Amino acid sequence: MNKQEEKVLRENIRHLIRHVKQKKLSEEESLRGIIRQFAGHELNELISESSVPDVEPTPNKSTGINVLEELLKKIIPVLEVDYKSLTTNNEQRESFRSHIINAVINTLTPAKVNTAAVSGDEEQLQEIDMEEEIDVEIGDEGGEDKFIDIRTDAEKSEEEEEEEVEADPRDDFGAGVEGDETGRNVAYQSFKKIESSIIDSYELLSDPDDQELYYDYLIANLKLYFDKFEEELSASVEEPTNQAYDMAKSGEGAVEQGTDDVELDF
């Protein structure tokens, strides 16, 4: 190899080394760019996640509503199952609804009276008395009972025992409320499951405003949930179809192919 050839070879080797170095630097730069892009994306994700508070939503301003919300979480699933079990007719569900609402009112009214008496709220006591006042007139003027009971003490005791045995607590539960008897009976069983929770939650509250909100919103929400349950029971979704299916269903599903008729069999 002469000097000229050796010079050319050295020059080519230098060009090759320079090319490899440039390619390596370019690949490294590209890799760095990818790493920077990935790191930036991950950083944005972390910032986004850190900006979301890890606490539950802010409670309502009223303690009464907060307490009621916790109560509804307990009792609504119970009422939903029992309400939706009444599928024979609408009268059963209407009776269930009426008896539950009436039972809640009857249960909380004594608690409201007791609270008003303790707090000395005469105005509230008068309002409750006006709501619950029942006028019963027996006999003539003076209200004297002229009936003379000639039964012996033994007969009286025996009849009282029979009355106690025959008395159905569901009759007292449904007193004053008309409706289907099956709906009443299911409502009776259902209310027994939730009665103590309703009273316990109400008795947590001592502020009159909280008590009023609890009472009013409880009745309103029960009615709204019963409306929701009824809509869910009565809602029907029409199944999508097409012309070919409708024709086959009606017996007209024949497709002509050449001289033969091919019937669509579903």
C-alpha atoms as a PDB file:
ATOM      1  CA  MET A   1       0.000   0.000   0.000  1.00  0.00           C
ATOM      2  CA  ASN A   2       1.500   3.302  -1.038  1.00  0.00           C
ATOM      3  CA  LYS A   3       1.213   6.561   0.820  1.00  0.00           C
ATOM      4  CA  GLN A   4      -1.688   7.848  -1.261  1.00  0.00           C
ATOM      5  CA  GLU A   5      -3.802   4.776  -0.592  1.00  0.00           C
ATOM      6  CA  GLU A   6      -2.932   4.885   3.091  1.00  0.00           C
ATOM      7  CA  LYS A   7      -3.987   8.532   3.249  1.00  0.00           C
ATOM      8  CA  VAL A   8      -7.331   7.776   1.603  1.00  0.00           C
ATOM      9  CA  LEU A   9      -7.917   4.873   3.987  1.00  0.00           C
ATOM     10  CA  ARG A  10      -7.173   7.010   7.028  1.00  0.00           C
ATOM     11  CA  GLU A  11      -9.522   9.709   5.741  1.00  0.00           C
ATOM     12  CA  ASN A  12     -12.339   7.196   5.245  1.00  0.00           C
ATOM     13  CA  ILE A  13     -11.814   5.785   8.720  1.00  0.00           C
ATOM     14  CA  ARG A  14     -12.023   9.280  10.212  1.00  0.00           C
ATOM     15  CA  HIS A  15     -15.271   9.971   8.296  1.00  0.00           C
ATOM     16  CA  LEU A  16     -16.685   6.677   9.518  1.00  0.00           C
ATOM     17  CA  ILE A  17     -15.753   7.394  13.123  1.00  0.00           C
ATOM     18  CA  ARG A  18     -17.221  10.886  12.855  1.00  0.00           C
ATOM     19  CA  HIS A  19     -20.462   9.478  11.389  1.00  0.00           C
ATOM     20  CA  VAL A  20     -20.792   6.895  14.155  1.00  0.00           C
ATOM     21  CA  LYS A  21     -20.219   9.549  16.805  1.00  0.00           C
ATOM     22  CA  GLN A  22     -22.811  11.867  15.255  1.00  0.00           C
ATOM     23  CA  LYS A  23     -25.341   9.057  14.983  1.00  0.00           C
ATOM     24  CA  LYS A  24     -24.732   8.089  18.602  1.00  0.00           C
ATOM     25  CA  LEU A  25     -25.133  11.682  19.754  1.00  0.00           C
ATOM     26  CA  SER A  26     -28.335  11.999  17.706  1.00  0.00           C
ATOM     27  CA  GLU A  27     -29.741   8.805  19.239  1.00  0.00           C
ATOM     28  CA  GLU A  28     -28.809   9.983  22.720  1.00  0.00           C
ATOM     29  CA  GLU A  29     -30.485  13.325  22.117  1.00  0.00           C
ATOM     30  CA  SER A  30     -33.586  11.605  20.808  1.00  0.00           C
ATOM     31  CA  LEU A  31     -33.636   9.322  23.835  1.00  0.00           C
ATOM     32  CA  ARG A  32     -33.241  12.287  26.147  1.00  0.00           C
ATOM     33  CA  GLY A  33     -36.197  13.974  24.419  1.00  0.00           C
ATOM     34  CA  ILE A  34     -38.354  10.903  24.899  1.00  0.00           C
ATOM     35  CA  ILE A  35     -37.340  10.697  28.562  1.00  0.00           C
ATOM     36  CA  ARG A  36     -38.088  14.396  29.084  1.00  0.00           C
ATOM     37  CA  GLN A  37     -41.498  14.020  27.426  1.00  0.00           C
ATOM     38  CA  PHE A  38     -42.353  10.975  29.521  1.00  0.00           C
ATOM     39  CA  ALA A  39     -41.136  12.636  32.715  1.00  0.00           C
ATOM     40  CA  GLY A  40     -43.198  15.737  31.947  1.00  0.00           C
ATOM     41  CA  HIS A  41     -46.300  13.639  31.387  1.00  0.00           C
ATOM     42  CA  GLU A  42     -45.799  11.787  34.660  1.00  0.00           C
ATOM     43  CA  LEU A  43     -45.234  15.077  36.482  1.00  0.00           C
ATOM     44  CA  ASN A  44     -48.471  16.494  35.091  1.00  0.00           C
ATOM     45  CA  GLU A  45     -50.321  13.369  36.230  1.00  0.00           C
ATOM     46  CA  LEU A  46     -48.914  13.718  39.735  1.00  0.00           C
ATOM     47  CA  ILE A  47     -49.835  17.403  39.871  1.00  0.00           C
ATOM     48  CA  SER A  48     -53.335  16.622  38.623  1.00  0.00           C
ATOM     49  CA  GLU A  49     -53.838  13.877  41.207  1.00  0.00           C
ATOM     50  CA  SER A  50     -52.469  16.006  44.021  1.00  0.00           C
ATOM     51  CA  SER A  51     -54.906  18.794  43.150  1.00  0.00           C
ATOM     52  CA  VAL A  52     -57.897  16.501  43.864  1.00  0.00           C
ATOM     53  CA  PRO A  53     -58.788  16.591  47.563  1.00  0.00           C
ATOM     54  CA  ASP A  54     -58.676  13.238  49.332  1.00  0.00           C
ATOM     55  CA  VAL A  55     -61.568  14.122  51.615  1.00  0.00           C
ATOM     56  CA  GLU A  56     -65.280  13.372  51.305  1.00  0.00           C
ATOM     57  CA  PRO A  57     -67.662  16.028  49.921  1.00  0.00           C
ATOM     58  CA  THR A  58     -68.469  18.910  52.225  1.00  0.00           C
ATOM     59  CA  PRO A  59     -71.427  18.036  54.474  1.00  0.00           C
ATOM     60  CA  ASN A  60     -74.627  20.029  54.386  1.00  0.00           C
ATOM     61  CA  LYS A  61     -74.867  23.194  56.438  1.00  0.00           C
ATOM     62  CA  SER A  62     -77.628  21.710  58.567  1.00  0.00           C
ATOM     63  CA  THR A  63     -76.827  19.015  61.112  1.00  0.00           C
ATOM     64  CA  GLY A  64     -80.418  17.847  60.798  1.00  0.00           C
ATOM     65  CA  ILE A  65     -79.948  17.140  57.082  1.00  0.00           C
ATOM     66  CA  ASN A  66     -76.635  15.372  57.718  1.00  0.00           C
ATOM     67  CA  VAL A  67     -78.261  13.102  60.293  1.00  0.00           C
ATOM     68  CA  LEU A  68     -81.201  12.469  57.949  1.00  0.00           C
ATOM     69  CA  GLU A  69     -78.856  11.565  55.097  1.00  0.00           C
ATOM     70  CA  GLU A  70     -77.224   8.867  57.218  1.00  0.00           C
ATOM     71  CA  LEU A  71     -80.660   7.589  58.247  1.00  0.00           C
ATOM     72  CA  LEU A  72     -81.864   7.356  54.647  1.00  0.00           C
ATOM     73  CA  LYS A  73     -78.845   5.225  53.764  1.00  0.00           C
ATOM     74  CA  LYS A  74     -80.063   2.709  56.341  1.00  0.00           C
ATOM     75  CA  ILE A  75     -83.818   2.679  55.791  1.00  0.00           C
ATOM     76  CA  ILE A  76     -84.344   3.297  52.066  1.00  0.00           C
ATOM     77  CA  PRO A  77     -82.858  -0.072  50.970  1.00  0.00           C
ATOM     78  CA  VAL A  78     -85.178  -1.825  53.446  1.00  0.00           C
ATOM     79  CA  LEU A  79     -88.248   0.019  52.211  1.00  0.00           C
ATOM     80  CA  GLU A  80     -87.292  -0.521  48.568  1.00  0.00           C
ATOM     81  CA  VAL A  81     -87.090  -4.296  48.897  1.00  0.00           C
ATOM     82  CA  ASP A  82     -90.419  -4.537  50.731  1.00  0.00           C
ATOM     83  CA  TYR A  83     -92.200  -2.044  48.462  1.00  0.00           C
ATOM     84  CA  LYS A  84     -91.077  -3.775  45.276  1.00  0.00           C
ATOM     85  CA  SER A  85     -92.187  -7.157  46.624  1.00  0.00           C
ATOM     86  CA  LEU A  86     -95.813  -5.977  46.284  1.00  0.00           C
ATOM     87  CA  THR A  87     -96.413  -6.759  42.630  1.00  0.00           C
ATOM     88  CA  THR A  88     -99.962  -8.142  42.533  1.00  0.00           C
ATOM     89  CA  ASN A  89    -101.543  -4.720  42.081  1.00  0.00           C
ATOM     90  CA  ASN A  90    -100.959  -1.033  42.591  1.00  0.00           C
ATOM     91  CA  GLU A  91    -103.381  -0.867  45.547  1.00  0.00           C
ATOM     92  CA  GLN A  92    -100.979  -2.927  47.667  1.00  0.00           C
ATOM     93  CA  ARG A  93     -98.127  -0.493  47.069  1.00  0.00           C
ATOM     94  CA  GLU A  94    -100.313   2.556  47.671  1.00  0.00           C
ATOM     95  CA  SER A  95    -101.415   1.052  50.981  1.00  0.00           C
ATOM     96  CA  PHE A  96     -97.804   0.278  51.920  1.00  0.00           C
ATOM     97  CA  ARG A  97     -96.794   3.853  51.150  1.00  0.00           C
ATOM     98  CA  SER A  98     -99.669   5.426  53.109  1.00  0.00           C
ATOM     99  CA  HIS A  99     -99.114   3.248  56.161  1.00  0.00           C
ATOM    100  CA  ILE A 100     -95.367   3.907  56.275  1.00  0.00           C
ATOM    101  CA  ILE A 101     -95.826   7.688  56.022  1.00  0.00           C
ATOM    102  CA  ASN A 102     -98.561   7.618  58.670  1.00  0.00           C
ATOM    103  CA  ALA A 103     -96.419   5.472  60.985  1.00  0.00           C
ATOM    104  CA  VAL A 104     -93.461   7.866  60.689  1.00  0.00           C
ATOM    105  CA  ILE A 105     -95.681  10.826  61.562  1.00  0.00           C
ATOM    106  CA  ASN A 106     -97.261   8.986  64.510  1.00  0.00           C
ATOM    107  CA  THR A 107     -93.828   7.901  65.753  1.00  0.00           C
ATOM    108  CA  LEU A 108     -92.190  11.311  65.619  1.00  0.00           C
ATOM    109  CA  THR A 109     -95.140  13.332  66.931  1.00  0.00           C
ATOM    110  CA  PRO A 110     -94.660  12.208  70.579  1.00  0.00           C
ATOM    111  CA  ALA A 111     -90.953  12.993  70.246  1.00  0.00           C
ATOM    112  CA  LYS A 112     -91.803  16.474  68.957  1.00  0.00           C
ATOM    113  CA  VAL A 113     -94.216  17.014  71.860  1.00  0.00           C
ATOM    114  CA  ASN A 114     -91.640  15.852  74.375  1.00  0.00           C
ATOM    115  CA  THR A 115     -88.976  18.133  72.900  1.00  0.00           C
ATOM    116  CA  ALA A 116     -91.327  21.116  72.910  1.00  0.00           C
ATOM    117  CA  ALA A 117     -92.323  20.429  76.512  1.00  0.00           C
ATOM    118  CA  VAL A 118     -88.710  20.199  77.658  1.00  0.00           C
ATOM    119  CA  SER A 119     -87.760  23.393  75.854  1.00  0.00           C
ATOM    120  CA  GLY A 120     -90.875  25.195  77.076  1.00  0.00           C
ATOM    121  CA  ASP A 121     -91.921  26.120  73.537  1.00  0.00           C
ATOM    122  CA  GLU A 122     -95.607  26.938  74.146  1.00  0.00           C
ATOM    123  CA  GLU A 123     -96.213  28.028  70.560  1.00  0.00           C
ATOM    124  CA  GLN A 124     -94.933  24.713  69.184  1.00  0.00           C
ATOM    125  CA  LEU A 125     -97.015  22.787  71.711  1.00  0.00           C
ATOM    126  CA  GLN A 126    -100.129  24.649  70.616  1.00  0.00           C
ATOM    127  CA  GLU A 127     -99.414  23.901  66.953  1.00  0.00           C
ATOM    128  CA  ILE A 128     -98.970  20.203  67.706  1.00  0.00           C
ATOM    129  CA  ASP A 129    -102.150  20.136  69.788  1.00  0.00           C
ATOM    130  CA  MET A 130    -104.091  21.730  66.949  1.00  0.00           C
ATOM    131  CA  GLU A 131    -102.731  19.192  64.460  1.00  0.00           C
ATOM    132  CA  GLU A 132    -103.456  16.176  66.646  1.00  0.00           C
ATOM    133  CA  GLU A 133    -106.681  17.303  68.343  1.00  0.00           C
ATOM    134  CA  ILE A 134    -109.546  14.825  67.981  1.00  0.00           C
ATOM    135  CA  ASP A 135    -112.992  15.615  69.262  1.00  0.00           C
ATOM    136  CA  VAL A 136    -114.897  12.610  70.561  1.00  0.00           C
ATOM    137  CA  GLU A 137    -118.404  13.052  71.963  1.00  0.00           C
ATOM    138  CA  ILE A 138    -120.065  10.140  73.750  1.00  0.00           C
ATOM    139  CA  GLY A 139    -123.592  10.181  75.193  1.00  0.00           C
ATOM    140  CA  ASP A 140    -125.682  13.246  75.895  1.00  0.00           C
ATOM    141  CA  GLU A 141    -124.786  16.552  77.520  1.00  0.00           C
ATOM    142  CA  GLY A 142    -122.405  16.130  80.398  1.00  0.00           C
ATOM    143  CA  GLY A 143    -120.828  13.031  78.879  1.00  0.00           C
ATOM    144  CA  GLU A 144    -122.163  10.746  81.606  1.00  0.00           C
ATOM    145  CA  ASP A 145    -121.985   7.019  80.984  1.00  0.00           C
ATOM    146  CA  LYS A 146    -125.343   5.500  81.915  1.00  0.00           C
ATOM    147  CA  PHE A 147    -124.476   1.946  80.863  1.00  0.00           C
ATOM    148  CA  ILE A 148    -124.784  -0.530  83.771  1.00  0.00           C
ATOM    149  CA  ASP A 149    -122.389  -3.464  83.411  1.00  0.00           C
ATOM    150  CA  ILE A 150    -123.959  -6.584  84.980  1.00  0.00           C
ATOM    151  CA  ARG A 151    -121.068  -8.932  84.209  1.00  0.00           C
ATOM    152  CA  THR A 152    -119.288 -10.616  87.085  1.00  0.00           C
ATOM    153  CA  ASP A 153    -115.597  -9.897  87.705  1.00  0.00           C
ATOM    154  CA  ALA A 154    -114.727 -13.354  86.350  1.00  0.00           C
ATOM    155  CA  GLU A 155    -116.654 -12.723  83.130  1.00  0.00           C
ATOM    156  CA  LYS A 156    -115.040  -9.321  82.707  1.00  0.00           C
ATOM    157  CA  SER A 157    -111.578 -10.812  83.218  1.00  0.00           C
ATOM    158  CA  GLU A 158    -112.254 -13.637  80.767  1.00  0.00           C
ATOM    159  CA  GLU A 159    -113.525 -11.289  78.065  1.00  0.00           C
ATOM    160  CA  GLU A 160    -110.557  -8.947  78.559  1.00  0.00           C
ATOM    161  CA  GLU A 161    -108.159 -11.871  78.145  1.00  0.00           C
ATOM    162  CA  GLU A 162    -109.936 -12.936  74.948  1.00  0.00           C
ATOM    163  CA  GLU A 163    -109.723  -9.411  73.588  1.00  0.00           C
ATOM    164  CA  GLU A 164    -106.007  -9.293  74.338  1.00  0.00           C
ATOM    165  CA  VAL A 165    -105.441 -12.605  72.549  1.00  0.00           C
ATOM    166  CA  GLU A 166    -107.543 -11.619  69.547  1.00  0.00           C
ATOM    167  CA  ALA A 167    -106.065  -8.117  69.225  1.00  0.00           C
ATOM    168  CA  ASP A 168    -103.908  -7.772  66.133  1.00  0.00           C
ATOM    169  CA  PRO A 169    -101.139  -5.165  66.483  1.00  0.00           C
ATOM    170  CA  ARG A 170    -101.436  -4.558  62.751  1.00  0.00           C
ATOM    171  CA  ASP A 171    -104.911  -3.151  63.336  1.00  0.00           C
ATOM    172  CA  ASP A 172    -103.510  -0.493  65.657  1.00  0.00           C
ATOM    173  CA  PHE A 173    -100.724   0.175  63.183  1.00  0.00           C
ATOM    174  CA  GLY A 174    -103.209   0.798  60.375  1.00  0.00           C
ATOM    175  CA  ALA A 175    -105.743   2.739  62.433  1.00  0.00           C
ATOM    176  CA  GLY A 176    -107.035   5.770  60.566  1.00  0.00           C
ATOM    177  CA  VAL A 177    -105.468   4.738  57.255  1.00  0.00           C
ATOM    178  CA  GLU A 178    -107.461   3.064  54.519  1.00  0.00           C
ATOM    179  CA  GLY A 179    -105.871   0.717  52.026  1.00  0.00           C
ATOM    180  CA  ASP A 180    -105.145  -2.809  50.951  1.00  0.00           C
ATOM    181  CA  GLU A 181    -104.635  -5.149  53.898  1.00  0.00           C
ATOM    182  CA  THR A 182    -101.645  -6.918  52.345  1.00  0.00           C
ATOM    183  CA  GLY A 183     -99.934  -3.577  51.828  1.00  0.00           C
ATOM    184  CA  ARG A 184    -100.663  -2.687  55.437  1.00  0.00           C
ATOM    185  CA  ASN A 185     -99.252  -5.975  56.741  1.00  0.00           C
ATOM    186  CA  VAL A 186     -96.033  -5.652  54.739  1.00  0.00           C
ATOM    187  CA  ALA A 187     -95.715  -2.017  55.842  1.00  0.00           C
ATOM    188  CA  TYR A 188     -96.090  -3.136  59.460  1.00  0.00           C
ATOM    189  CA  GLN A 189     -93.247  -5.631  59.142  1.00  0.00           C
ATOM    190  CA  SER A 190     -91.116  -3.149  57.233  1.00  0.00           C
ATOM    191  CA  PHE A 191     -91.616  -0.331  59.738  1.00  0.00           C
ATOM    192  CA  LYS A 192     -90.599  -2.563  62.625  1.00  0.00           C
ATOM    193  CA  LYS A 193     -87.170  -2.837  60.964  1.00  0.00           C
ATOM    194  CA  ILE A 194     -86.628   0.927  60.731  1.00  0.00           C
ATOM    195  CA  GLU A 195     -88.618   2.443  63.601  1.00  0.00           C
ATOM    196  CA  SER A 196     -85.800   2.524  66.156  1.00  0.00           C
ATOM    197  CA  SER A 197     -83.380   4.094  63.661  1.00  0.00           C
ATOM    198  CA  ILE A 198     -85.846   6.902  62.910  1.00  0.00           C
ATOM    199  CA  ILE A 199     -86.347   7.685  66.605  1.00  0.00           C
ATOM    200  CA  ASP A 200     -82.658   7.384  67.511  1.00  0.00           C
ATOM    201  CA  SER A 201     -81.634   9.761  64.734  1.00  0.00           C
ATOM    202  CA  TYR A 202     -84.261  12.334  65.701  1.00  0.00           C
ATOM    203  CA  GLU A 203     -83.250  12.230  69.357  1.00  0.00           C
ATOM    204  CA  LEU A 204     -79.676  13.119  68.405  1.00  0.00           C
ATOM    205  CA  LEU A 205     -80.923  16.593  67.535  1.00  0.00           C
ATOM    206  CA  SER A 206     -81.714  19.256  70.108  1.00  0.00           C
ATOM    207  CA  ASP A 207     -81.789  22.335  67.911  1.00  0.00           C
ATOM    208  CA  PRO A 208     -85.414  23.134  66.895  1.00  0.00           C
ATOM    209  CA  ASP A 209     -84.364  24.093  63.362  1.00  0.00           C
ATOM    210  CA  ASP A 210     -82.507  20.814  62.908  1.00  0.00           C
ATOM    211  CA  GLN A 211     -85.491  18.874  64.232  1.00  0.00           C
ATOM    212  CA  GLU A 212     -87.895  20.653  61.917  1.00  0.00           C
ATOM    213  CA  LEU A 213     -85.695  20.078  58.871  1.00  0.00           C
ATOM    214  CA  TYR A 214     -85.206  16.439  59.820  1.00  0.00           C
ATOM    215  CA  TYR A 215     -88.957  15.869  60.170  1.00  0.00           C
ATOM    216  CA  ASP A 216     -90.038  17.756  57.042  1.00  0.00           C
ATOM    217  CA  TYR A 217     -87.317  16.376  54.791  1.00  0.00           C
ATOM    218  CA  LEU A 218     -87.800  12.828  56.040  1.00  0.00           C
ATOM    219  CA  ILE A 219     -91.478  12.839  55.023  1.00  0.00           C
ATOM    220  CA  ALA A 220     -90.686  14.534  51.708  1.00  0.00           C
ATOM    221  CA  ASN A 221     -87.868  12.134  50.861  1.00  0.00           C
ATOM    222  CA  LEU A 222     -89.923   9.065  51.716  1.00  0.00           C
ATOM    223  CA  LYS A 223     -92.597  10.214  49.283  1.00  0.00           C
ATOM    224  CA  LEU A 224     -90.021  10.976  46.604  1.00  0.00           C
ATOM    225  CA  TYR A 225     -88.356   7.579  46.996  1.00  0.00           C
ATOM    226  CA  PHE A 226     -91.719   5.820  46.786  1.00  0.00           C
ATOM    227  CA  ASP A 227     -92.338   7.721  43.534  1.00  0.00           C
ATOM    228  CA  LYS A 228     -88.953   6.563  42.287  1.00  0.00           C
ATOM    229  CA  PHE A 229     -89.654   2.928  43.208  1.00  0.00           C
ATOM    230  CA  GLU A 230     -92.988   3.041  41.397  1.00  0.00           C
ATOM    231  CA  GLU A 231     -91.389   4.464  38.267  1.00  0.00           C
ATOM    232  CA  GLU A 232     -88.776   1.717  38.313  1.00  0.00           C
ATOM    233  CA  LEU A 233     -91.458  -0.949  38.659  1.00  0.00           C
ATOM    234  CA  SER A 234     -93.667   0.424  35.912  1.00  0.00           C
ATOM    235  CA  ALA A 235     -90.898   1.349  33.498  1.00  0.00           C
ATOM    236  CA  SER A 236     -90.677  -0.906  30.452  1.00  0.00           C
ATOM    237  CA  VAL A 237     -87.977  -0.779  27.784  1.00  0.00           C
ATOM    238  CA  GLU A 238     -89.138  -1.726  24.293  1.00  0.00           C
ATOM    239  CA  GLU A 239     -86.820  -4.262  22.701  1.00  0.00           C
ATOM    240  CA  PRO A 240     -85.313  -3.099  19.377  1.00  0.00           C
ATOM    241  CA  THR A 241     -86.453  -5.056  16.319  1.00  0.00           C
ATOM    242  CA  ASN A 242     -86.283  -4.972  12.534  1.00  0.00           C
ATOM    243  CA  GLN A 243     -88.511  -5.675   9.542  1.00  0.00           C
ATOM    244  CA  ALA A 244     -87.124  -9.161   8.880  1.00  0.00           C
ATOM    245  CA  TYR A 245     -87.870 -10.275  12.417  1.00  0.00           C
ATOM    246  CA  ASP A 246     -91.356  -8.760  12.369  1.00  0.00           C
ATOM    247  CA  MET A 247     -92.169 -10.515   9.071  1.00  0.00           C
ATOM    248  CA  ALA A 248     -90.890 -13.848  10.331  1.00  0.00           C
ATOM    249  CA  LYS A 249     -92.821 -13.453  13.574  1.00  0.00           C
ATOM    250  CA  SER A 250     -96.040 -12.813  11.672  1.00  0.00           C
ATOM    251  CA  GLY A 251     -95.488 -15.792   9.326  1.00  0.00           C
ATOM    252  CA  GLU A 252     -94.695 -13.695   6.274  1.00  0.00           C
ATOM    253  CA  GLY A 253     -90.971 -14.278   6.376  1.00  0.00           C
ATOM    254  CA  ALA A 254     -90.246 -15.766   2.964  1.00  0.00           C
ATOM    255  CA  VAL A 255     -87.389 -14.612   0.773  1.00  0.00           C
ATOM    256  CA  GLU A 256     -87.621 -15.377  -2.903  1.00  0.00           C
ATOM    257  CA  GLN A 257     -84.437 -16.845  -4.347  1.00  0.00           C
ATOM    258  CA  GLY A 258     -84.645 -18.035  -7.955  1.00  0.00           C
ATOM    259  CA  THR A 259     -87.755 -20.241  -8.254  1.00  0.00           C
ATOM    260  CA  ASP A 260     -87.629 -21.470  -4.693  1.00  0.00           C
ATOM    261  CA  ASP A 261     -88.952 -19.785  -1.581  1.00  0.00           C
ATOM    262  CA  VAL A 262     -86.630 -19.922   1.379  1.00  0.00           C
ATOM    263  CA  GLU A 263     -88.487 -19.399   4.647  1.00  0.00           C
ATOM    264  CA  LEU A 264     -86.648 -17.640   7.448  1.00  0.00           C
ATOM    265  CA  ASP A 265     -86.911 -19.918  10.445  1.00  0.00           C
ATOM    266  CA  PHE A 266     -86.212 -18.263  13.807  1.00  0.00           C
END
